[in-house]
Amino acid sequence: MRFELYRDSAGGWRWRLRAQNGNVVADSAEAYVRREDCEHGIALVKGSAEAAIVDMTLRIA
């Protein structure tokens, strides 16, 4: 997998995460004005590997 940092047609910074097969598995969903902010977004996603998985379909009575 790899993160790709790029500029969109409006000049904003975006990122996308590509799997080995070339498919995009995640993206920034918004443009950033500054490259540094876009890189920070990538760092947040990388750091989320330790985040818990919560099944929101389970209801607590």
PDB file of N, CA and C in Angstrom:
ATOM      1  N   MET A   1       0.846  -1.173   0.000  1.00  0.00           N
ATOM      2  CA  MET A   1       0.000   0.000   0.000  1.00  0.00           C
ATOM      3  C   MET A   1       0.889   1.233   0.000  1.00  0.00           C
ATOM      4  N   ARG A   2       0.301   2.303  -0.552  1.00  0.00           N
ATOM      5  CA  ARG A   2       1.054   3.549  -0.545  1.00  0.00           C
ATOM      6  C   ARG A   2       0.094   4.732  -0.508  1.00  0.00           C
ATOM      7  N   PHE A   3       0.539   5.805   0.113  1.00  0.00           N
ATOM      8  CA  PHE A   3      -0.193   7.059   0.097  1.00  0.00           C
ATOM      9  C   PHE A   3       0.306   7.883  -1.080  1.00  0.00           C
ATOM     10  N   GLU A   4      -0.612   8.489  -1.799  1.00  0.00           N
ATOM     11  CA  GLU A   4      -0.274   9.387  -2.895  1.00  0.00           C
ATOM     12  C   GLU A   4      -0.749  10.787  -2.511  1.00  0.00           C
ATOM     13  N   LEU A   5       0.139  11.737  -2.589  1.00  0.00           N
ATOM     14  CA  LEU A   5      -0.147  13.132  -2.299  1.00  0.00           C
ATOM     15  C   LEU A   5      -0.207  13.846  -3.638  1.00  0.00           C
ATOM     16  N   TYR A   6      -1.298  14.598  -3.891  1.00  0.00           N
ATOM     17  CA  TYR A   6      -1.425  15.238  -5.203  1.00  0.00           C
ATOM     18  C   TYR A   6      -2.262  16.506  -5.102  1.00  0.00           C
ATOM     19  N   ARG A   7      -2.265  17.291  -6.172  1.00  0.00           N
ATOM     20  CA  ARG A   7      -3.077  18.502  -6.257  1.00  0.00           C
ATOM     21  C   ARG A   7      -4.273  18.225  -7.154  1.00  0.00           C
ATOM     22  N   ASP A   8      -5.440  18.673  -6.727  1.00  0.00           N
ATOM     23  CA  ASP A   8      -6.641  18.480  -7.535  1.00  0.00           C
ATOM     24  C   ASP A   8      -6.768  19.592  -8.577  1.00  0.00           C
ATOM     25  N   SER A   9      -7.826  19.558  -9.364  1.00  0.00           N
ATOM     26  CA  SER A   9      -7.986  20.508 -10.462  1.00  0.00           C
ATOM     27  C   SER A   9      -8.141  21.952  -9.979  1.00  0.00           C
ATOM     28  N   ALA A  10      -8.554  22.136  -8.731  1.00  0.00           N
ATOM     29  CA  ALA A  10      -8.702  23.481  -8.171  1.00  0.00           C
ATOM     30  C   ALA A  10      -7.431  23.948  -7.457  1.00  0.00           C
ATOM     31  N   GLY A  11      -6.408  23.095  -7.436  1.00  0.00           N
ATOM     32  CA  GLY A  11      -5.141  23.459  -6.806  1.00  0.00           C
ATOM     33  C   GLY A  11      -5.015  23.064  -5.352  1.00  0.00           C
ATOM     34  N   GLY A  12      -6.037  22.390  -4.810  1.00  0.00           N
ATOM     35  CA  GLY A  12      -5.967  21.944  -3.416  1.00  0.00           C
ATOM     36  C   GLY A  12      -5.148  20.673  -3.276  1.00  0.00           C
ATOM     37  N   TRP A  13      -4.651  20.462  -2.068  1.00  0.00           N
ATOM     38  CA  TRP A  13      -3.872  19.253  -1.768  1.00  0.00           C
ATOM     39  C   TRP A  13      -4.802  18.142  -1.317  1.00  0.00           C
ATOM     40  N   ARG A  14      -4.587  16.938  -1.815  1.00  0.00           N
ATOM     41  CA  ARG A  14      -5.360  15.751  -1.437  1.00  0.00           C
ATOM     42  C   ARG A  14      -4.425  14.557  -1.285  1.00  0.00           C
ATOM     43  N   TRP A  15      -4.935  13.528  -0.609  1.00  0.00           N
ATOM     44  CA  TRP A  15      -4.199  12.259  -0.532  1.00  0.00           C
ATOM     45  C   TRP A  15      -5.154  11.128  -0.851  1.00  0.00           C
ATOM     46  N   ARG A  16      -4.566  10.018  -1.291  1.00  0.00           N
ATOM     47  CA  ARG A  16      -5.323   8.783  -1.488  1.00  0.00           C
ATOM     48  C   ARG A  16      -4.408   7.623  -1.108  1.00  0.00           C
ATOM     49  N   LEU A  17      -5.028   6.552  -0.649  1.00  0.00           N
ATOM     50  CA  LEU A  17      -4.312   5.345  -0.250  1.00  0.00           C
ATOM     51  C   LEU A  17      -4.624   4.274  -1.278  1.00  0.00           C
ATOM     52  N   ARG A  18      -3.581   3.770  -1.924  1.00  0.00           N
ATOM     53  CA  ARG A  18      -3.743   2.734  -2.950  1.00  0.00           C
ATOM     54  C   ARG A  18      -3.259   1.385  -2.441  1.00  0.00           C
ATOM     55  N   ALA A  19      -4.049   0.349  -2.748  1.00  0.00           N
ATOM     56  CA  ALA A  19      -3.659  -1.022  -2.433  1.00  0.00           C
ATOM     57  C   ALA A  19      -2.656  -1.504  -3.472  1.00  0.00           C
ATOM     58  N   GLN A  20      -2.063  -2.661  -3.229  1.00  0.00           N
ATOM     59  CA  GLN A  20      -1.085  -3.238  -4.163  1.00  0.00           C
ATOM     60  C   GLN A  20      -1.662  -3.442  -5.561  1.00  0.00           C
ATOM     61  N   ASN A  21      -2.954  -3.721  -5.652  1.00  0.00           N
ATOM     62  CA  ASN A  21      -3.577  -3.974  -6.963  1.00  0.00           C
ATOM     63  C   ASN A  21      -3.961  -2.692  -7.697  1.00  0.00           C
ATOM     64  N   GLY A  22      -3.652  -1.532  -7.108  1.00  0.00           N
ATOM     65  CA  GLY A  22      -3.927  -0.255  -7.747  1.00  0.00           C
ATOM     66  C   GLY A  22      -5.240   0.385  -7.358  1.00  0.00           C
ATOM     67  N   ASN A  23      -6.090  -0.343  -6.643  1.00  0.00           N
ATOM     68  CA  ASN A  23      -7.371   0.213  -6.223  1.00  0.00           C
ATOM     69  C   ASN A  23      -7.177   1.244  -5.116  1.00  0.00           C
ATOM     70  N   VAL A  24      -7.968   2.304  -5.163  1.00  0.00           N
ATOM     71  CA  VAL A  24      -7.962   3.308  -4.103  1.00  0.00           C
ATOM     72  C   VAL A  24      -8.853   2.788  -2.982  1.00  0.00           C
ATOM     73  N   VAL A  25      -8.304   2.662  -1.787  1.00  0.00           N
ATOM     74  CA  VAL A  25      -9.062   2.135  -0.651  1.00  0.00           C
ATOM     75  C   VAL A  25      -9.476   3.232   0.326  1.00  0.00           C
ATOM     76  N   ALA A  26      -8.887   4.418   0.224  1.00  0.00           N
ATOM     77  CA  ALA A  26      -9.270   5.553   1.071  1.00  0.00           C
ATOM     78  C   ALA A  26      -8.766   6.829   0.405  1.00  0.00           C
ATOM     79  N   ASP A  27      -9.447   7.933   0.712  1.00  0.00           N
ATOM     80  CA  ASP A  27      -8.973   9.223   0.214  1.00  0.00           C
ATOM     81  C   ASP A  27      -9.321  10.316   1.212  1.00  0.00           C
ATOM     82  N   SER A  28      -8.793  11.497   0.970  1.00  0.00           N
ATOM     83  CA  SER A  28      -8.953  12.599   1.915  1.00  0.00           C
ATOM     84  C   SER A  28     -10.370  13.147   1.966  1.00  0.00           C
ATOM     85  N   ALA A  29     -11.159  12.976   0.922  1.00  0.00           N
ATOM     86  CA  ALA A  29     -12.549  13.441   0.858  1.00  0.00           C
ATOM     87  C   ALA A  29     -12.688  14.957   0.926  1.00  0.00           C
ATOM     88  N   GLU A  30     -11.603  15.658   1.133  1.00  0.00           N
ATOM     89  CA  GLU A  30     -11.618  17.112   1.107  1.00  0.00           C
ATOM     90  C   GLU A  30     -10.246  17.608   0.679  1.00  0.00           C
ATOM     91  N   ALA A  31     -10.226  18.794   0.129  1.00  0.00           N
ATOM     92  CA  ALA A  31      -8.952  19.387  -0.283  1.00  0.00           C
ATOM     93  C   ALA A  31      -8.396  20.231   0.858  1.00  0.00           C
ATOM     94  N   TYR A  32      -7.090  20.255   0.957  1.00  0.00           N
ATOM     95  CA  TYR A  32      -6.401  21.076   1.945  1.00  0.00           C
ATOM     96  C   TYR A  32      -5.728  22.238   1.226  1.00  0.00           C
ATOM     97  N   VAL A  33      -5.711  23.392   1.873  1.00  0.00           N
ATOM     98  CA  VAL A  33      -5.058  24.565   1.294  1.00  0.00           C
ATOM     99  C   VAL A  33      -3.541  24.402   1.364  1.00  0.00           C
ATOM    100  N   ARG A  34      -3.070  23.893   2.493  1.00  0.00           N
ATOM    101  CA  ARG A  34      -1.622  23.753   2.696  1.00  0.00           C
ATOM    102  C   ARG A  34      -1.198  22.284   2.614  1.00  0.00           C
ATOM    103  N   ARG A  35      -0.060  22.057   1.995  1.00  0.00           N
ATOM    104  CA  ARG A  35       0.489  20.702   1.886  1.00  0.00           C
ATOM    105  C   ARG A  35       0.712  20.096   3.272  1.00  0.00           C
ATOM    106  N   GLU A  36       1.190  20.909   4.198  1.00  0.00           N
ATOM    107  CA  GLU A  36       1.471  20.425   5.554  1.00  0.00           C
ATOM    108  C   GLU A  36       0.211  19.866   6.211  1.00  0.00           C
ATOM    109  N   ASP A  37      -0.931  20.512   5.969  1.00  0.00           N
ATOM    110  CA  ASP A  37      -2.184  20.016   6.539  1.00  0.00           C
ATOM    111  C   ASP A  37      -2.582  18.679   5.917  1.00  0.00           C
ATOM    112  N   CYS A  38      -2.338  18.540   4.630  1.00  0.00           N
ATOM    113  CA  CYS A  38      -2.622  17.280   3.945  1.00  0.00           C
ATOM    114  C   CYS A  38      -1.729  16.166   4.499  1.00  0.00           C
ATOM    115  N   GLU A  39      -0.454  16.471   4.703  1.00  0.00           N
ATOM    116  CA  GLU A  39       0.463  15.487   5.274  1.00  0.00           C
ATOM    117  C   GLU A  39       0.035  15.111   6.695  1.00  0.00           C
ATOM    118  N   HIS A  40      -0.492  16.073   7.439  1.00  0.00           N
ATOM    119  CA  HIS A  40      -0.992  15.785   8.779  1.00  0.00           C
ATOM    120  C   HIS A  40      -2.184  14.825   8.707  1.00  0.00           C
ATOM    121  N   GLY A  41      -3.053  15.009   7.716  1.00  0.00           N
ATOM    122  CA  GLY A  41      -4.172  14.088   7.509  1.00  0.00           C
ATOM    123  C   GLY A  41      -3.697  12.667   7.253  1.00  0.00           C
ATOM    124  N   ILE A  42      -2.637  12.532   6.456  1.00  0.00           N
ATOM    125  CA  ILE A  42      -2.049  11.213   6.204  1.00  0.00           C
ATOM    126  C   ILE A  42      -1.536  10.618   7.514  1.00  0.00           C
ATOM    127  N   ALA A  43      -0.862  11.432   8.315  1.00  0.00           N
ATOM    128  CA  ALA A  43      -0.323  10.950   9.591  1.00  0.00           C
ATOM    129  C   ALA A  43      -1.432  10.479  10.521  1.00  0.00           C
ATOM    130  N   LEU A  44      -2.570  11.164  10.510  1.00  0.00           N
ATOM    131  CA  LEU A  44      -3.694  10.743  11.348  1.00  0.00           C
ATOM    132  C   LEU A  44      -4.223   9.383  10.925  1.00  0.00           C
ATOM    133  N   VAL A  45      -4.309   9.155   9.624  1.00  0.00           N
ATOM    134  CA  VAL A  45      -4.788   7.863   9.133  1.00  0.00           C
ATOM    135  C   VAL A  45      -3.773   6.772   9.466  1.00  0.00           C
ATOM    136  N   LYS A  46      -2.503   7.047   9.271  1.00  0.00           N
ATOM    137  CA  LYS A  46      -1.467   6.060   9.610  1.00  0.00           C
ATOM    138  C   LYS A  46      -1.518   5.716  11.097  1.00  0.00           C
ATOM    139  N   GLY A  47      -1.736   6.715  11.936  1.00  0.00           N
ATOM    140  CA  GLY A  47      -1.777   6.514  13.380  1.00  0.00           C
ATOM    141  C   GLY A  47      -3.029   5.805  13.847  1.00  0.00           C
ATOM    142  N   SER A  48      -4.044   5.752  13.004  1.00  0.00           N
ATOM    143  CA  SER A  48      -5.300   5.130  13.412  1.00  0.00           C
ATOM    144  C   SER A  48      -5.246   3.611  13.361  1.00  0.00           C
ATOM    145  N   ALA A  49      -4.117   3.047  13.000  1.00  0.00           N
ATOM    146  CA  ALA A  49      -3.987   1.590  12.936  1.00  0.00           C
ATOM    147  C   ALA A  49      -4.243   0.947  14.300  1.00  0.00           C
ATOM    148  N   GLU A  50      -4.058   1.720  15.369  1.00  0.00           N
ATOM    149  CA  GLU A  50      -4.276   1.194  16.708  1.00  0.00           C
ATOM    150  C   GLU A  50      -5.685   1.496  17.224  1.00  0.00           C
ATOM    151  N   ALA A  51      -6.500   2.129  16.409  1.00  0.00           N
ATOM    152  CA  ALA A  51      -7.849   2.495  16.845  1.00  0.00           C
ATOM    153  C   ALA A  51      -8.715   1.249  17.011  1.00  0.00           C
ATOM    154  N   ALA A  52      -9.617   1.331  17.966  1.00  0.00           N
ATOM    155  CA  ALA A  52     -10.540   0.225  18.203  1.00  0.00           C
ATOM    156  C   ALA A  52     -11.551   0.125  17.067  1.00  0.00           C
ATOM    157  N   ILE A  53     -12.073  -1.068  16.861  1.00  0.00           N
ATOM    158  CA  ILE A  53     -13.151  -1.292  15.898  1.00  0.00           C
ATOM    159  C   ILE A  53     -14.426  -1.453  16.709  1.00  0.00           C
ATOM    160  N   VAL A  54     -15.414  -0.612  16.423  1.00  0.00           N
ATOM    161  CA  VAL A  54     -16.674  -0.625  17.152  1.00  0.00           C
ATOM    162  C   VAL A  54     -17.780  -1.006  16.190  1.00  0.00           C
ATOM    163  N   ASP A  55     -18.503  -2.058  16.519  1.00  0.00           N
ATOM    164  CA  ASP A  55     -19.626  -2.506  15.688  1.00  0.00           C
ATOM    165  C   ASP A  55     -20.846  -1.676  16.062  1.00  0.00           C
ATOM    166  N   MET A  56     -21.173  -0.716  15.226  1.00  0.00           N
ATOM    167  CA  MET A  56     -22.282   0.195  15.516  1.00  0.00           C
ATOM    168  C   MET A  56     -23.643  -0.442  15.254  1.00  0.00           C
ATOM    169  N   THR A  57     -23.664  -1.674  14.770  1.00  0.00           N
ATOM    170  CA  THR A  57     -24.932  -2.360  14.554  1.00  0.00           C
ATOM    171  C   THR A  57     -25.435  -3.048  15.812  1.00  0.00           C
ATOM    172  N   LEU A  58     -24.568  -3.171  16.802  1.00  0.00           N
ATOM    173  CA  LEU A  58     -24.965  -3.786  18.072  1.00  0.00           C
ATOM    174  C   LEU A  58     -25.647  -2.741  18.936  1.00  0.00           C
ATOM    175  N   ARG A  59     -26.779  -3.090  19.477  1.00  0.00           N
ATOM    176  CA  ARG A  59     -27.519  -2.161  20.331  1.00  0.00           C
ATOM    177  C   ARG A  59     -27.344  -2.573  21.788  1.00  0.00           C
ATOM    178  N   ILE A  60     -27.101  -1.599  22.603  1.00  0.00           N
ATOM    179  CA  ILE A  60     -26.981  -1.837  24.048  1.00  0.00           C
ATOM    180  C   ILE A  60     -28.344  -1.533  24.661  1.00  0.00           C
ATOM    181  N   ALA A  61     -28.872  -2.504  25.393  1.00  0.00           N
ATOM    182  CA  ALA A  61     -30.215  -2.344  25.982  1.00  0.00           C
ATOM    183  C   ALA A  61     -30.194  -1.456  27.194  1.00  0.00           C
TER     184      ALA A  61
END
